[in-house]
Protein backbone atom coordinates (compact mmCIF):
# COMPACT_ATOMS: atom_id res chain seq x y z
CA MET A 1 -35.93 -14.59 -19.11
CA VAL A 2 -33.88 -13.79 -15.76
CA THR A 3 -29.93 -12.99 -15.24
CA THR A 4 -28.31 -13.83 -11.93
CA PHE A 5 -25.44 -12.06 -10.58
CA TYR A 6 -23.66 -13.39 -7.01
CA LYS A 7 -20.93 -11.23 -5.28
CA ALA A 8 -17.99 -13.46 -4.61
CA GLN A 9 -17.75 -14.26 -1.16
CA ASN A 10 -14.42 -12.28 0.71
CA ASP A 11 -14.47 -9.86 -1.52
CA GLY A 12 -14.78 -7.42 1.48
CA VAL A 13 -11.41 -8.80 3.05
CA ASN A 14 -9.62 -8.82 0.13
CA ASP A 15 -10.92 -5.16 -1.25
CA GLY A 16 -9.85 -4.18 1.90
CA VAL A 17 -6.23 -5.34 2.49
CA ASN A 18 -5.48 -4.75 -1.05
CA GLY A 19 -6.90 -1.48 -0.63
CA GLY A 20 -4.70 -0.65 2.36
CA VAL A 21 -1.86 -1.77 0.76
CA ASN A 22 -2.62 0.40 -2.76
CA ASN A 23 -2.62 3.58 0.12
CA ILE A 24 0.21 2.70 1.31
CA GLU A 25 1.77 2.72 -2.18
CA LYS A 26 0.50 5.68 -3.04
CA ILE A 27 1.42 7.48 -0.06
CA ILE A 28 5.46 6.14 -0.24
CA LYS A 29 5.55 7.38 -3.85
CA GLU A 30 4.10 10.99 -3.10
CA ASN A 31 6.28 11.66 -0.22
CA PRO A 32 9.08 10.23 -1.03
CA GLY A 33 11.27 10.53 2.34
CA ILE A 34 8.05 9.55 4.53
CA ASN A 35 9.08 6.94 7.20
CA VAL A 36 7.12 3.71 8.35
CA LYS A 37 5.87 5.39 11.71
CA GLY A 38 4.83 8.40 9.27
CA ILE A 39 2.78 6.06 7.20
CA SER A 40 1.24 4.35 10.24
CA GLU A 41 0.34 8.07 11.38
CA LEU A 42 -1.25 8.60 8.19
CA VAL A 43 -3.23 5.44 7.50
CA GLU A 44 -3.85 4.90 11.30
CA SER A 45 -2.16 1.54 11.21
CA SER A 46 0.38 -0.22 13.52
CA PRO A 47 4.23 0.17 12.06
CA ARG A 48 4.10 -3.78 11.34
CA THR A 49 1.07 -3.56 9.49
CA ILE A 50 2.79 -1.35 8.05
CA GLU A 51 6.18 -2.82 7.36
CA ARG A 52 4.50 -5.94 6.59
CA ASN A 53 2.60 -4.18 3.44
CA ILE A 54 5.72 -2.97 2.19
CA LYS A 55 7.33 -6.49 2.25
CA LYS A 56 4.00 -7.73 -0.15
CA LEU A 57 4.59 -4.40 -2.44
CA ARG A 58 8.25 -5.32 -2.73
CA ASP A 59 7.60 -9.12 -3.07
CA GLU A 60 5.09 -8.53 -5.89
CA GLN A 61 7.45 -5.90 -7.40
CA LYS A 62 5.13 -2.88 -7.21
CA LEU A 63 7.69 -1.15 -4.99
CA ASN A 64 10.94 -0.10 -5.83
CA LEU A 65 12.33 1.39 -2.84
CA LYS A 66 16.13 2.35 -4.29
CA GLU A 67 13.94 4.27 -7.01
CA VAL A 68 11.49 5.84 -4.34
CA GLN A 69 14.93 7.25 -2.46
CA LYS A 70 16.46 8.82 -5.68
CA GLN A 71 13.12 10.46 -6.35
CA ALA A 72 13.73 11.95 -2.74
CA ASP A 73 17.47 12.73 -3.01
CA THR A 74 16.57 14.85 -5.80
CA LEU A 75 13.65 16.77 -3.88
CA SER A 76 15.80 17.25 -1.29
């Protein structure tokens, strides 16, 4: 008996994109007052890419910027 496993194609691209979005989500939650420029410097991506990823997080309802702002206000 032989079992063969195949990796789905394009996993590398999807993992890279999703990993970047998840990384941005983590950075925002850990640093509620951070701005797009600060995130772009941390992840070495353009501000436009960061804005696109934040929009994706908001569209998927994984990120609520009002809640993040409340956290930032309580910390200051």
